[in-house]
Amino acid sequence: MFFHNSTLLLLAVLGVIFTFIGFGLRDRNLGLVLLGLGLLAIVYAVITKAIELFG
């Protein structure tokens, strides 16, 4: 999936990075926070792209 908006692409990439870091540190509070932030960033990017594509 190619993102035509560089901000949306950056948000999706940072979301994946935060998710991977959070998954590695999931036994600590910081890891769970990063895991949640990464997941929310990915969900936001996907929903925004879906609204742009279908809406």
PDB file of N, CA and C in Angstrom:
ATOM      1  N   MET A   1       0.853  -1.166   0.000  1.00  0.00           N
ATOM      2  CA  MET A   1       0.000   0.000   0.000  1.00  0.00           C
ATOM      3  C   MET A   1       0.901   1.232   0.000  1.00  0.00           C
ATOM      4  N   PHE A   2       0.746   2.067  -0.982  1.00  0.00           N
ATOM      5  CA  PHE A   2       1.572   3.267  -1.102  1.00  0.00           C
ATOM      6  C   PHE A   2       0.794   4.465  -0.582  1.00  0.00           C
ATOM      7  N   PHE A   3       1.422   5.195   0.319  1.00  0.00           N
ATOM      8  CA  PHE A   3       0.791   6.377   0.900  1.00  0.00           C
ATOM      9  C   PHE A   3       1.243   7.604   0.113  1.00  0.00           C
ATOM     10  N   HIS A   4       0.299   8.379  -0.395  1.00  0.00           N
ATOM     11  CA  HIS A   4       0.634   9.569  -1.172  1.00  0.00           C
ATOM     12  C   HIS A   4       0.905  10.772  -0.285  1.00  0.00           C
ATOM     13  N   ASN A   5       0.655  10.652   0.987  1.00  0.00           N
ATOM     14  CA  ASN A   5       0.888  11.734   1.930  1.00  0.00           C
ATOM     15  C   ASN A   5       2.091  11.348   2.788  1.00  0.00           C
ATOM     16  N   SER A   6       3.143  12.157   2.774  1.00  0.00           N
ATOM     17  CA  SER A   6       4.360  11.795   3.504  1.00  0.00           C
ATOM     18  C   SER A   6       4.143  11.800   5.017  1.00  0.00           C
ATOM     19  N   THR A   7       3.239  12.637   5.514  1.00  0.00           N
ATOM     20  CA  THR A   7       2.948  12.639   6.952  1.00  0.00           C
ATOM     21  C   THR A   7       2.276  11.335   7.366  1.00  0.00           C
ATOM     22  N   LEU A   8       1.366  10.858   6.550  1.00  0.00           N
ATOM     23  CA  LEU A   8       0.684   9.599   6.832  1.00  0.00           C
ATOM     24  C   LEU A   8       1.658   8.430   6.759  1.00  0.00           C
ATOM     25  N   LEU A   9       2.567   8.454   5.797  1.00  0.00           N
ATOM     26  CA  LEU A   9       3.584   7.413   5.684  1.00  0.00           C
ATOM     27  C   LEU A   9       4.501   7.429   6.896  1.00  0.00           C
ATOM     28  N   LEU A  10       4.929   8.605   7.323  1.00  0.00           N
ATOM     29  CA  LEU A  10       5.784   8.723   8.504  1.00  0.00           C
ATOM     30  C   LEU A  10       5.071   8.217   9.748  1.00  0.00           C
ATOM     31  N   LEU A  11       3.796   8.537   9.890  1.00  0.00           N
ATOM     32  CA  LEU A  11       3.017   8.072  11.032  1.00  0.00           C
ATOM     33  C   LEU A  11       2.890   6.554  11.037  1.00  0.00           C
ATOM     34  N   ALA A  12       2.674   5.959   9.876  1.00  0.00           N
ATOM     35  CA  ALA A  12       2.563   4.501   9.796  1.00  0.00           C
ATOM     36  C   ALA A  12       3.889   3.832  10.129  1.00  0.00           C
ATOM     37  N   VAL A  13       4.992   4.373   9.617  1.00  0.00           N
ATOM     38  CA  VAL A  13       6.313   3.797   9.890  1.00  0.00           C
ATOM     39  C   VAL A  13       6.665   3.940  11.365  1.00  0.00           C
ATOM     40  N   LEU A  14       6.411   5.100  11.948  1.00  0.00           N
ATOM     41  CA  LEU A  14       6.667   5.275  13.382  1.00  0.00           C
ATOM     42  C   LEU A  14       5.783   4.363  14.225  1.00  0.00           C
ATOM     43  N   GLY A  15       4.570   4.143  13.780  1.00  0.00           N
ATOM     44  CA  GLY A  15       3.690   3.219  14.490  1.00  0.00           C
ATOM     45  C   GLY A  15       4.229   1.805  14.504  1.00  0.00           C
ATOM     46  N   VAL A  16       4.755   1.362  13.369  1.00  0.00           N
ATOM     47  CA  VAL A  16       5.351   0.020  13.304  1.00  0.00           C
ATOM     48  C   VAL A  16       6.593  -0.053  14.179  1.00  0.00           C
ATOM     49  N   ILE A  17       7.429   0.976  14.150  1.00  0.00           N
ATOM     50  CA  ILE A  17       8.644   0.989  14.976  1.00  0.00           C
ATOM     51  C   ILE A  17       8.283   0.975  16.457  1.00  0.00           C
ATOM     52  N   PHE A  18       7.326   1.814  16.859  1.00  0.00           N
ATOM     53  CA  PHE A  18       6.898   1.829  18.265  1.00  0.00           C
ATOM     54  C   PHE A  18       6.312   0.485  18.684  1.00  0.00           C
ATOM     55  N   THR A  19       5.577  -0.148  17.771  1.00  0.00           N
ATOM     56  CA  THR A  19       4.995  -1.449  18.093  1.00  0.00           C
ATOM     57  C   THR A  19       6.080  -2.487  18.317  1.00  0.00           C
ATOM     58  N   PHE A  20       7.097  -2.512  17.459  1.00  0.00           N
ATOM     59  CA  PHE A  20       8.186  -3.484  17.628  1.00  0.00           C
ATOM     60  C   PHE A  20       8.973  -3.226  18.907  1.00  0.00           C
ATOM     61  N   ILE A  21       9.264  -1.962  19.196  1.00  0.00           N
ATOM     62  CA  ILE A  21       9.990  -1.642  20.432  1.00  0.00           C
ATOM     63  C   ILE A  21       9.133  -1.990  21.647  1.00  0.00           C
ATOM     64  N   GLY A  22       7.860  -1.656  21.589  1.00  0.00           N
ATOM     65  CA  GLY A  22       6.960  -1.969  22.694  1.00  0.00           C
ATOM     66  C   GLY A  22       6.788  -3.462  22.896  1.00  0.00           C
ATOM     67  N   PHE A  23       6.791  -4.223  21.807  1.00  0.00           N
ATOM     68  CA  PHE A  23       6.673  -5.674  21.931  1.00  0.00           C
ATOM     69  C   PHE A  23       7.911  -6.257  22.604  1.00  0.00           C
ATOM     70  N   GLY A  24       9.061  -5.671  22.346  1.00  0.00           N
ATOM     71  CA  GLY A  24      10.285  -6.137  22.992  1.00  0.00           C
ATOM     72  C   GLY A  24      10.351  -5.774  24.463  1.00  0.00           C
ATOM     73  N   LEU A  25       9.732  -4.673  24.852  1.00  0.00           N
ATOM     74  CA  LEU A  25       9.762  -4.208  26.243  1.00  0.00           C
ATOM     75  C   LEU A  25       8.413  -4.385  26.930  1.00  0.00           C
ATOM     76  N   ARG A  26       7.634  -5.373  26.520  1.00  0.00           N
ATOM     77  CA  ARG A  26       6.254  -5.476  26.994  1.00  0.00           C
ATOM     78  C   ARG A  26       6.124  -5.824  28.469  1.00  0.00           C
ATOM     79  N   ASP A  27       7.213  -6.245  29.124  1.00  0.00           N
ATOM     80  CA  ASP A  27       7.123  -6.544  30.552  1.00  0.00           C
ATOM     81  C   ASP A  27       7.299  -5.291  31.410  1.00  0.00           C
ATOM     82  N   ARG A  28       7.539  -4.146  30.788  1.00  0.00           N
ATOM     83  CA  ARG A  28       7.678  -2.877  31.513  1.00  0.00           C
ATOM     84  C   ARG A  28       6.556  -1.932  31.083  1.00  0.00           C
ATOM     85  N   ASN A  29       6.320  -0.915  31.901  1.00  0.00           N
ATOM     86  CA  ASN A  29       5.251   0.039  31.583  1.00  0.00           C
ATOM     87  C   ASN A  29       5.541   0.817  30.306  1.00  0.00           C
ATOM     88  N   LEU A  30       6.811   1.196  30.096  1.00  0.00           N
ATOM     89  CA  LEU A  30       7.167   1.936  28.888  1.00  0.00           C
ATOM     90  C   LEU A  30       6.887   1.105  27.641  1.00  0.00           C
ATOM     91  N   GLY A  31       7.159  -0.173  27.712  1.00  0.00           N
ATOM     92  CA  GLY A  31       6.900  -1.048  26.566  1.00  0.00           C
ATOM     93  C   GLY A  31       5.427  -1.126  26.227  1.00  0.00           C
ATOM     94  N   LEU A  32       4.590  -1.204  27.248  1.00  0.00           N
ATOM     95  CA  LEU A  32       3.149  -1.254  26.996  1.00  0.00           C
ATOM     96  C   LEU A  32       2.638   0.064  26.434  1.00  0.00           C
ATOM     97  N   VAL A  33       3.199   1.173  26.900  1.00  0.00           N
ATOM     98  CA  VAL A  33       2.812   2.483  26.367  1.00  0.00           C
ATOM     99  C   VAL A  33       3.215   2.592  24.904  1.00  0.00           C
ATOM    100  N   LEU A  34       4.445   2.178  24.573  1.00  0.00           N
ATOM    101  CA  LEU A  34       4.895   2.231  23.182  1.00  0.00           C
ATOM    102  C   LEU A  34       4.091   1.283  22.303  1.00  0.00           C
ATOM    103  N   LEU A  35       3.754   0.119  22.837  1.00  0.00           N
ATOM    104  CA  LEU A  35       2.936  -0.831  22.089  1.00  0.00           C
ATOM    105  C   LEU A  35       1.566  -0.227  21.781  1.00  0.00           C
ATOM    106  N   GLY A  36       0.969   0.422  22.763  1.00  0.00           N
ATOM    107  CA  GLY A  36      -0.325   1.062  22.553  1.00  0.00           C
ATOM    108  C   GLY A  36      -0.257   2.235  21.591  1.00  0.00           C
ATOM    109  N   LEU A  37       0.779   3.064  21.728  1.00  0.00           N
ATOM    110  CA  LEU A  37       0.934   4.200  20.814  1.00  0.00           C
ATOM    111  C   LEU A  37       1.165   3.738  19.381  1.00  0.00           C
ATOM    112  N   GLY A  38       1.972   2.711  19.233  1.00  0.00           N
ATOM    113  CA  GLY A  38       2.216   2.173  17.896  1.00  0.00           C
ATOM    114  C   GLY A  38       0.955   1.622  17.276  1.00  0.00           C
ATOM    115  N   LEU A  39       0.183   0.899  18.073  1.00  0.00           N
ATOM    116  CA  LEU A  39      -1.068   0.340  17.568  1.00  0.00           C
ATOM    117  C   LEU A  39      -2.048   1.443  17.181  1.00  0.00           C
ATOM    118  N   LEU A  40      -2.164   2.463  18.018  1.00  0.00           N
ATOM    119  CA  LEU A  40      -3.069   3.569  17.699  1.00  0.00           C
ATOM    120  C   LEU A  40      -2.624   4.324  16.450  1.00  0.00           C
ATOM    121  N   ALA A  41      -1.312   4.502  16.274  1.00  0.00           N
ATOM    122  CA  ALA A  41      -0.811   5.198  15.087  1.00  0.00           C
ATOM    123  C   ALA A  41      -1.102   4.402  13.822  1.00  0.00           C
ATOM    124  N   ILE A  42      -0.929   3.085  13.891  1.00  0.00           N
ATOM    125  CA  ILE A  42      -1.207   2.249  12.725  1.00  0.00           C
ATOM    126  C   ILE A  42      -2.702   2.261  12.399  1.00  0.00           C
ATOM    127  N   VAL A  43      -3.534   2.137  13.417  1.00  0.00           N
ATOM    128  CA  VAL A  43      -4.987   2.152  13.197  1.00  0.00           C
ATOM    129  C   VAL A  43      -5.426   3.492  12.620  1.00  0.00           C
ATOM    130  N   TYR A  44      -4.871   4.591  13.133  1.00  0.00           N
ATOM    131  CA  TYR A  44      -5.217   5.917  12.607  1.00  0.00           C
ATOM    132  C   TYR A  44      -4.808   6.048  11.141  1.00  0.00           C
ATOM    133  N   ALA A  45      -3.606   5.581  10.808  1.00  0.00           N
ATOM    134  CA  ALA A  45      -3.135   5.684   9.427  1.00  0.00           C
ATOM    135  C   ALA A  45      -4.002   4.853   8.488  1.00  0.00           C
ATOM    136  N   VAL A  46      -4.378   3.663   8.907  1.00  0.00           N
ATOM    137  CA  VAL A  46      -5.207   2.803   8.060  1.00  0.00           C
ATOM    138  C   VAL A  46      -6.607   3.396   7.887  1.00  0.00           C
ATOM    139  N   ILE A  47      -7.189   3.896   8.959  1.00  0.00           N
ATOM    140  CA  ILE A  47      -8.532   4.487   8.865  1.00  0.00           C
ATOM    141  C   ILE A  47      -8.510   5.746   8.004  1.00  0.00           C
ATOM    142  N   THR A  48      -7.485   6.573   8.165  1.00  0.00           N
ATOM    143  CA  THR A  48      -7.377   7.789   7.356  1.00  0.00           C
ATOM    144  C   THR A  48      -7.235   7.453   5.877  1.00  0.00           C
ATOM    145  N   LYS A  49      -6.427   6.447   5.570  1.00  0.00           N
ATOM    146  CA  LYS A  49      -6.248   6.041   4.177  1.00  0.00           C
ATOM    147  C   LYS A  49      -7.534   5.440   3.618  1.00  0.00           C
ATOM    148  N   ALA A  50      -8.258   4.676   4.431  1.00  0.00           N
ATOM    149  CA  ALA A  50      -9.518   4.095   3.970  1.00  0.00           C
ATOM    150  C   ALA A  50     -10.564   5.177   3.705  1.00  0.00           C
ATOM    151  N   ILE A  51     -10.622   6.170   4.562  1.00  0.00           N
ATOM    152  CA  ILE A  51     -11.566   7.275   4.344  1.00  0.00           C
ATOM    153  C   ILE A  51     -11.204   8.035   3.076  1.00  0.00           C
ATOM    154  N   GLU A  52      -9.910   8.247   2.860  1.00  0.00           N
ATOM    155  CA  GLU A  52      -9.465   8.950   1.653  1.00  0.00           C
ATOM    156  C   GLU A  52      -9.761   8.131   0.402  1.00  0.00           C
ATOM    157  N   LEU A  53      -9.606   6.824   0.494  1.00  0.00           N
ATOM    158  CA  LEU A  53      -9.780   5.966  -0.670  1.00  0.00           C
ATOM    159  C   LEU A  53     -11.254   5.730  -0.992  1.00  0.00           C
ATOM    160  N   PHE A  54     -12.061   5.431   0.006  1.00  0.00           N
ATOM    161  CA  PHE A  54     -13.451   5.059  -0.227  1.00  0.00           C
ATOM    162  C   PHE A  54     -14.444   6.188   0.034  1.00  0.00           C
ATOM    163  N   GLY A  55     -14.030   7.199   0.779  1.00  0.00           N
ATOM    164  CA  GLY A  55     -14.973   8.217   1.204  1.00  0.00           C
ATOM    165  C   GLY A  55     -15.129   9.326   0.244  1.00  0.00           C
TER     166      GLY A  55
END
